[in-house]
Amino acid sequence: MRLGLNLGYLTPGVSPEDQLIWARAAEHLGFDVLWVAEAYGSDAPTILAWIAGQTTRIGLGSAVMQIPARSPAATAMTAATLDTLSGGRFRLGLGVSGPQVSEGWHGVRFAHPLGRTREYVDIVRMALGRHEVAYAGRHHQLPLPDGPGKALRLALRPARHDLPVYLAAVGPRNLELAGEIADGWLGVFVAADALAEPLAAIARGRARGGRAEIPFDVVASVPVSVGDDPSPAGIAACADAVRPYTALYVGGMGSRDRNFYNDLAGRLGYPDAAAVVQDLYLAGRPRDAAAAVPLELIDRTALLGPVDRIAAGMRAYADAGVTTLAVTLSTMDQAAGVSTLESVAQAYQQWRSSARGSGSGT
């Protein structure tokens, strides 16, 4: 299992300089990959290009670039450019976002997300492979059949023709699609003790797509909150730093009728609590929503507490099948973020040492 850092996107409390400091710290500490997100604020490619020019080794990935935000050809151009600028370090993570962002921000209907994603990835791969892009799908037609356009080939020669493509997925059908057409899965709110079901869905997709023997990267994005006190009170205090993040997704990322993260919390065993969190968040009470998130849900989907407890959590994720553990900082303070990354690296080395000693995992 490799170690990654998910920087998310810029927020009012996090500056570009903060993100760069954390990126450089992660590279120095031996992290394998750095992921950057986008919603309806900062975009992922710009931040990635900026960091690419100021790092040398660490992998760089989008988690995610939004499918409704760009045509597949534009995404292929951006991916090829980022891979070229970074010397072959880029990983393309894609996601359909949600209906609120897709329709409210980008003006793109959210209908048929599976079919649109399949066609989108087809075209991106075709373009990155420097084939002439001619495609007759239900959702995409290139070139348009009734105009002067012609099939074109990507003019840039990217660093790699086989640039890895990842899909963010939450529901079972999306997970199967990720296994069928992608090189990796970007998972969020991943509980090690509940990973068997999503991995089974991915395996079904891989078998259907004839990709069962091809390496597949299972990326779990996991919040981390470090504290020295291993007591229940100490773990609860660490969880408090994660509460706003969990409440935002479970309560606020979507409408009352369509919130994939709320559904996921329900599948993890907390449907009633998830409904309460959503009610409070949508009523304009985010602090109360955060307080209503069950401690157990946070503890199962985050790394909390002292270094040795975090190392044990890493062991559980590795044993469950995670191949890249991408930690998300639960602090907006620059120095505290660096300190957290140092503790994560220490925990990772502790887990690696114990895994080598027991002869299990790498």
Protein backbone atom coordinates (compact mmCIF):
# COMPACT_ATOMS: atom_id res chain seq x y z
CA MET A 1 0.00 0.00 0.00
CA ARG A 2 1.33 3.38 -1.06
CA LEU A 3 0.84 6.67 0.73
CA GLY A 4 -0.84 9.71 -0.81
CA LEU A 5 -2.10 13.15 0.14
CA ASN A 6 -5.43 14.59 -0.97
CA LEU A 7 -5.22 18.39 -0.87
CA GLY A 8 -8.85 18.89 -1.86
CA TYR A 9 -9.50 22.36 -3.24
CA LEU A 10 -8.71 25.86 -2.09
CA THR A 11 -10.91 27.19 0.72
CA PRO A 12 -11.03 30.57 2.48
CA GLY A 13 -8.77 29.16 5.19
CA VAL A 14 -6.21 27.48 2.91
CA SER A 15 -3.94 29.48 0.61
CA PRO A 16 -2.07 28.27 -2.47
CA GLU A 17 1.13 28.69 -0.45
CA ASP A 18 -0.24 26.35 2.22
CA GLN A 19 -0.98 23.71 -0.39
CA LEU A 20 2.48 24.08 -1.92
CA ILE A 21 4.18 23.72 1.47
CA TRP A 22 2.18 20.57 2.16
CA ALA A 23 2.91 19.20 -1.31
CA ARG A 24 6.63 19.71 -0.87
CA ALA A 25 6.51 18.20 2.62
CA ALA A 26 4.71 15.13 1.26
CA GLU A 27 7.31 14.76 -1.48
CA HIS A 28 10.15 15.10 1.02
CA LEU A 29 8.54 12.51 3.31
CA GLY A 30 8.25 9.96 0.50
CA PHE A 31 4.55 10.13 -0.30
CA ASP A 32 3.77 8.47 -3.62
CA VAL A 33 1.07 10.76 -5.00
CA LEU A 34 -0.70 14.05 -4.45
CA TRP A 35 -4.37 14.50 -5.41
CA VAL A 36 -6.22 17.79 -6.06
CA ALA A 37 -9.99 18.27 -6.27
CA GLU A 38 -12.46 20.73 -7.73
CA ALA A 39 -16.10 21.58 -7.07
CA TYR A 40 -17.23 25.10 -7.97
CA GLY A 41 -14.22 27.09 -6.80
CA SER A 42 -10.58 26.41 -7.64
CA ASP A 43 -10.05 24.03 -10.54
CA ALA A 44 -7.81 21.00 -10.33
CA PRO A 45 -5.60 21.41 -13.44
CA THR A 46 -4.35 24.89 -12.58
CA ILE A 47 -3.30 23.89 -9.06
CA LEU A 48 -1.70 20.70 -10.38
CA ALA A 49 0.29 22.57 -13.02
CA TRP A 50 1.51 25.04 -10.39
CA ILE A 51 2.61 22.27 -8.04
CA ALA A 52 4.11 20.23 -10.88
CA GLY A 53 6.50 23.05 -11.64
CA GLN A 54 7.70 23.15 -8.04
CA THR A 55 8.09 19.43 -7.30
CA THR A 56 10.15 16.74 -9.00
CA ARG A 57 9.13 13.23 -7.93
CA ILE A 58 5.68 12.94 -6.36
CA GLY A 59 2.84 11.71 -8.55
CA LEU A 60 0.07 14.19 -9.35
CA GLY A 61 -3.58 13.32 -9.77
CA SER A 62 -6.98 14.92 -10.21
CA ALA A 63 -9.55 13.71 -7.72
CA VAL A 64 -11.47 14.67 -9.65
CA MET A 65 -11.74 16.62 -12.86
CA GLN A 66 -15.49 17.00 -13.37
CA ILE A 67 -16.92 15.33 -16.45
CA PRO A 68 -19.66 17.95 -16.99
CA ALA A 69 -17.12 20.78 -16.81
CA ARG A 70 -15.19 19.90 -19.98
CA SER A 71 -15.63 18.14 -23.27
CA PRO A 72 -13.75 14.81 -23.38
CA ALA A 73 -11.36 16.29 -25.96
CA ALA A 74 -10.59 19.23 -23.66
CA THR A 75 -9.93 16.82 -20.80
CA ALA A 76 -7.57 14.77 -22.99
CA MET A 77 -5.70 17.95 -23.98
CA THR A 78 -5.39 19.00 -20.33
CA ALA A 79 -4.28 15.53 -19.22
CA ALA A 80 -1.67 15.29 -21.97
CA THR A 81 -0.37 18.76 -21.11
CA LEU A 82 -0.15 18.04 -17.39
CA ASP A 83 1.59 14.74 -18.03
CA THR A 84 4.09 16.50 -20.30
CA LEU A 85 4.74 19.35 -17.87
CA SER A 86 5.24 16.95 -14.97
CA GLY A 87 7.47 14.50 -16.80
CA GLY A 88 4.94 11.67 -16.81
CA ARG A 89 3.64 12.05 -13.26
CA PHE A 90 -0.04 12.77 -13.91
CA ARG A 91 -3.00 10.49 -13.14
CA LEU A 92 -6.41 11.44 -14.52
CA GLY A 93 -9.21 11.07 -12.02
CA LEU A 94 -12.72 11.72 -13.37
CA GLY A 95 -16.17 11.99 -11.83
CA VAL A 96 -19.65 13.03 -12.88
CA SER A 97 -20.05 15.22 -9.76
CA GLY A 98 -23.66 15.50 -8.58
CA PRO A 99 -26.87 16.87 -10.05
CA GLN A 100 -26.64 20.15 -8.12
CA VAL A 101 -23.19 21.04 -9.47
CA SER A 102 -23.67 19.47 -12.90
CA GLU A 103 -26.97 21.20 -13.62
CA GLY A 104 -26.68 24.26 -11.39
CA TRP A 105 -23.07 25.23 -12.14
CA HIS A 106 -22.23 23.68 -15.49
CA GLY A 107 -25.69 23.59 -17.07
CA VAL A 108 -25.31 19.93 -18.00
CA ARG A 109 -28.16 17.51 -17.37
CA PHE A 110 -27.27 14.76 -14.90
CA ALA A 111 -29.22 12.11 -16.80
CA HIS A 112 -27.57 8.81 -17.80
CA PRO A 113 -24.37 9.27 -15.73
CA LEU A 114 -23.11 5.74 -16.42
CA GLY A 115 -23.54 5.97 -20.18
CA ARG A 116 -22.04 9.44 -20.33
CA THR A 117 -19.05 8.35 -18.28
CA ARG A 118 -18.41 5.31 -20.46
CA GLU A 119 -18.45 7.35 -23.66
CA TYR A 120 -16.38 10.11 -22.09
CA VAL A 121 -13.61 7.71 -21.07
CA ASP A 122 -13.70 6.06 -24.50
CA ILE A 123 -13.05 9.40 -26.19
CA VAL A 124 -10.39 10.50 -23.70
CA ARG A 125 -8.47 7.27 -24.20
CA MET A 126 -8.86 7.53 -27.97
CA ALA A 127 -7.45 11.05 -27.94
CA LEU A 128 -4.58 10.26 -25.56
CA GLY A 129 -3.67 7.32 -27.79
CA ARG A 130 -3.34 9.85 -30.63
CA HIS A 131 -5.96 8.16 -32.76
CA GLU A 132 -8.23 10.17 -35.00
CA VAL A 133 -11.19 10.94 -32.79
CA ALA A 134 -14.32 9.75 -34.54
CA TYR A 135 -17.09 8.62 -32.24
CA ALA A 136 -20.76 7.86 -32.73
CA GLY A 137 -22.33 7.45 -29.31
CA ARG A 138 -25.61 8.24 -27.68
CA HIS A 139 -24.21 11.23 -25.81
CA HIS A 140 -21.21 12.22 -27.91
CA GLN A 141 -20.82 12.46 -31.67
CA LEU A 142 -17.47 13.48 -33.08
CA PRO A 143 -17.27 15.04 -35.52
CA LEU A 144 -20.81 16.39 -35.68
CA PRO A 145 -22.55 14.69 -38.60
CA ASP A 146 -24.12 17.79 -40.10
CA GLY A 147 -21.27 20.29 -40.13
CA PRO A 148 -17.81 21.02 -41.51
CA GLY A 149 -15.89 19.35 -38.69
CA LYS A 150 -13.52 16.46 -39.31
CA ALA A 151 -11.92 13.81 -37.15
CA LEU A 152 -8.76 15.22 -35.56
CA ARG A 153 -5.76 13.75 -33.83
CA LEU A 154 -4.18 15.18 -30.66
CA ALA A 155 -1.35 17.39 -31.91
CA LEU A 156 0.66 17.14 -28.68
CA ARG A 157 2.70 14.00 -28.18
CA PRO A 158 2.09 13.22 -24.48
CA ALA A 159 4.69 11.68 -22.22
CA ARG A 160 2.56 8.50 -22.13
CA HIS A 161 -0.16 7.06 -24.33
CA ASP A 162 -1.36 4.83 -21.48
CA LEU A 163 -1.91 7.58 -18.93
CA PRO A 164 -3.88 5.99 -16.04
CA VAL A 165 -7.55 6.87 -15.71
CA TYR A 166 -9.36 6.71 -12.36
CA LEU A 167 -13.05 7.01 -11.61
CA ALA A 168 -14.68 8.36 -8.47
CA ALA A 169 -17.60 6.08 -7.63
CA VAL A 170 -19.94 5.54 -4.70
CA GLY A 171 -22.85 3.33 -5.79
CA PRO A 172 -22.58 -0.33 -6.85
CA ARG A 173 -23.19 0.29 -10.57
CA ASN A 174 -20.62 3.07 -10.68
CA LEU A 175 -18.14 0.82 -8.90
CA GLU A 176 -18.67 -1.90 -11.50
CA LEU A 177 -18.11 0.66 -14.26
CA ALA A 178 -14.86 1.76 -12.61
CA GLY A 179 -13.65 -1.82 -12.60
CA GLU A 180 -14.68 -2.32 -16.22
CA ILE A 181 -13.14 0.75 -17.86
CA ALA A 182 -10.70 2.42 -15.44
CA ASP A 183 -7.26 1.79 -13.96
CA GLY A 184 -8.25 2.76 -10.44
CA TRP A 185 -11.04 3.76 -8.07
CA LEU A 186 -11.16 6.98 -6.06
CA GLY A 187 -13.07 6.13 -2.89
CA VAL A 188 -14.36 8.44 -0.18
CA PHE A 189 -15.74 7.57 3.27
CA VAL A 190 -14.04 4.21 2.96
CA ALA A 191 -14.37 1.93 5.97
CA ALA A 192 -11.85 -0.92 6.02
CA ASP A 193 -14.36 -3.26 7.63
CA ALA A 194 -16.90 -2.57 4.87
CA LEU A 195 -14.61 -2.65 1.83
CA ALA A 196 -15.46 -6.18 0.69
CA GLU A 197 -18.72 -5.14 -0.98
CA PRO A 198 -17.34 -2.28 -3.12
CA LEU A 199 -14.32 -4.38 -4.07
CA ALA A 200 -16.64 -7.19 -5.16
CA ALA A 201 -18.52 -4.74 -7.40
CA ILE A 202 -15.23 -3.56 -8.88
CA ALA A 203 -14.18 -7.18 -9.45
CA ARG A 204 -17.40 -7.88 -11.35
CA GLY A 205 -16.69 -4.95 -13.60
CA ARG A 206 -13.10 -5.99 -14.16
CA ALA A 207 -14.20 -9.48 -15.14
CA ARG A 208 -16.82 -8.10 -17.53
CA GLY A 209 -14.30 -5.77 -19.14
CA GLY A 210 -11.61 -8.45 -19.49
CA ARG A 211 -9.36 -6.50 -17.09
CA ALA A 212 -9.16 -8.97 -14.22
CA GLU A 213 -5.42 -9.50 -14.68
CA ILE A 214 -4.57 -5.82 -15.15
CA PRO A 215 -3.32 -3.98 -12.03
CA PHE A 216 -5.99 -1.81 -10.42
CA ASP A 217 -5.37 0.96 -7.89
CA VAL A 218 -7.81 1.14 -4.97
CA VAL A 219 -7.44 4.68 -3.61
CA ALA A 220 -9.06 5.49 -0.27
CA SER A 221 -9.27 9.16 0.64
CA VAL A 222 -9.19 9.20 4.44
CA PRO A 223 -9.21 12.21 6.82
CA VAL A 224 -6.49 12.19 9.46
CA SER A 225 -6.46 13.91 12.84
CA VAL A 226 -3.43 13.30 15.06
CA GLY A 227 -3.49 13.51 18.87
CA ASP A 228 -1.35 12.11 21.69
CA ASP A 229 -4.22 10.97 23.95
CA PRO A 230 -5.30 7.38 23.18
CA SER A 231 -8.24 7.49 25.61
CA PRO A 232 -11.83 7.60 24.33
CA ALA A 233 -11.93 11.29 25.18
CA GLY A 234 -8.74 11.86 23.18
CA ILE A 235 -10.09 10.00 20.15
CA ALA A 236 -13.35 11.94 20.39
CA ALA A 237 -11.36 15.20 20.41
CA CYS A 238 -9.52 14.11 17.25
CA ALA A 239 -12.86 13.22 15.65
CA ASP A 240 -14.16 16.72 16.33
CA ALA A 241 -11.66 18.06 13.78
CA VAL A 242 -13.18 15.77 11.14
CA ARG A 243 -16.84 16.41 11.97
CA PRO A 244 -17.34 19.47 9.69
CA TYR A 245 -15.93 17.54 6.70
CA THR A 246 -18.20 14.54 7.27
CA ALA A 247 -21.25 16.71 7.91
CA LEU A 248 -20.65 18.71 4.72
CA TYR A 249 -20.74 15.60 2.56
CA VAL A 250 -23.41 13.60 4.39
CA GLY A 251 -25.61 16.62 4.97
CA GLY A 252 -24.87 19.20 2.34
CA MET A 253 -23.45 17.62 -0.82
CA GLY A 254 -26.66 17.21 -2.75
CA SER A 255 -30.36 17.76 -2.36
CA ARG A 256 -32.63 16.14 0.18
CA ASP A 257 -33.69 13.60 -2.44
CA ARG A 258 -30.30 12.94 -4.01
CA ASN A 259 -27.16 12.84 -1.89
CA PHE A 260 -24.86 9.93 -2.74
CA TYR A 261 -22.76 10.41 0.40
CA ASN A 262 -25.85 10.35 2.60
CA ASP A 263 -26.82 7.09 0.91
CA LEU A 264 -23.33 5.75 1.56
CA ALA A 265 -23.57 6.60 5.26
CA GLY A 266 -26.82 4.67 5.30
CA ARG A 267 -25.19 1.63 3.69
CA LEU A 268 -22.46 1.79 6.33
CA GLY A 269 -25.18 1.36 8.96
CA TYR A 270 -26.19 4.90 9.91
CA PRO A 271 -29.36 5.77 7.93
CA ASP A 272 -31.17 7.45 10.82
CA ALA A 273 -28.18 9.52 11.88
CA ALA A 274 -27.49 10.47 8.26
CA ALA A 275 -31.06 11.73 7.92
CA VAL A 276 -30.65 13.87 11.05
CA VAL A 277 -27.34 15.29 9.80
CA GLN A 278 -28.95 16.17 6.49
CA ASP A 279 -31.98 17.79 8.11
CA LEU A 280 -29.77 19.98 10.27
CA TYR A 281 -27.41 20.91 7.47
CA LEU A 282 -30.15 21.83 5.03
CA ALA A 283 -31.82 23.87 7.76
CA GLY A 284 -28.73 26.08 7.89
CA ARG A 285 -27.30 24.55 11.09
CA PRO A 286 -23.93 23.07 9.99
CA ARG A 287 -22.47 23.06 13.52
CA ASP A 288 -25.39 21.07 14.86
CA ALA A 289 -25.12 18.78 11.86
CA ALA A 290 -21.44 18.18 12.64
CA ALA A 291 -22.26 17.42 16.27
CA ALA A 292 -24.84 14.86 15.13
CA VAL A 293 -22.37 12.78 13.10
CA PRO A 294 -21.83 9.49 14.98
CA LEU A 295 -18.34 9.15 16.44
CA GLU A 296 -18.25 5.55 15.24
CA LEU A 297 -18.81 6.61 11.62
CA ILE A 298 -15.92 9.07 11.81
CA ASP A 299 -13.63 6.56 13.51
CA ARG A 300 -14.38 3.92 10.85
CA THR A 301 -13.68 6.28 7.94
CA ALA A 302 -10.76 8.34 9.31
CA LEU A 303 -7.39 7.91 11.00
CA LEU A 304 -7.58 9.29 14.53
CA GLY A 305 -5.26 9.54 17.52
CA PRO A 306 -1.63 8.71 18.28
CA VAL A 307 0.86 7.46 15.70
CA ASP A 308 0.58 3.81 16.72
CA ARG A 309 -3.22 3.90 16.43
CA ILE A 310 -2.94 5.48 12.99
CA ALA A 311 -0.45 2.76 12.00
CA ALA A 312 -2.98 0.14 13.09
CA GLY A 313 -5.60 1.85 10.95
CA MET A 314 -3.23 1.74 7.98
CA ARG A 315 -2.76 -1.96 8.55
CA ALA A 316 -6.53 -2.48 8.46
CA TYR A 317 -6.83 -0.59 5.17
CA ALA A 318 -3.96 -2.50 3.58
CA ASP A 319 -5.35 -5.84 4.71
CA ALA A 320 -8.77 -4.89 3.31
CA GLY A 321 -7.36 -4.24 -0.17
CA VAL A 322 -6.50 -0.54 -0.34
CA THR A 323 -3.44 0.03 -2.55
CA THR A 324 -3.12 3.82 -2.11
CA LEU A 325 -4.09 5.50 1.15
CA ALA A 326 -4.62 9.22 0.46
CA VAL A 327 -4.85 11.17 3.70
CA THR A 328 -6.81 14.41 3.93
CA LEU A 329 -5.65 17.01 6.43
CA SER A 330 -8.12 18.11 9.09
CA THR A 331 -6.33 21.36 9.83
CA MET A 332 -6.01 24.63 7.94
CA ASP A 333 -2.88 25.69 9.81
CA GLN A 334 0.22 25.41 7.67
CA ALA A 335 2.63 24.26 10.41
CA ALA A 336 0.08 21.87 11.91
CA GLY A 337 -0.45 20.38 8.46
CA VAL A 338 3.25 19.70 8.04
CA SER A 339 3.37 18.16 11.53
CA THR A 340 0.43 15.93 10.66
CA LEU A 341 2.16 14.74 7.50
CA GLU A 342 5.28 13.93 9.51
CA SER A 343 3.17 11.87 11.94
CA VAL A 344 1.48 10.09 9.03
CA ALA A 345 4.86 9.25 7.51
CA GLN A 346 6.04 7.94 10.89
CA ALA A 347 2.91 5.79 11.20
CA TYR A 348 3.40 4.52 7.66
CA GLN A 349 6.97 3.45 8.40
CA GLN A 350 5.79 1.80 11.60
CA TRP A 351 3.16 -0.15 9.67
CA ARG A 352 5.67 -1.07 6.95
CA SER A 353 8.11 -2.37 9.55
CA SER A 354 5.44 -4.46 11.24
CA ALA A 355 4.21 -5.78 7.88
CA ARG A 356 7.73 -6.85 6.89
CA GLY A 357 8.23 -8.44 10.27
CA SER A 358 5.07 -10.48 9.98
CA GLY A 359 5.63 -11.27 6.32
CA SER A 360 2.25 -9.77 5.33
CA GLY A 361 1.76 -6.83 2.98
CA THR A 362 4.19 -4.41 1.43
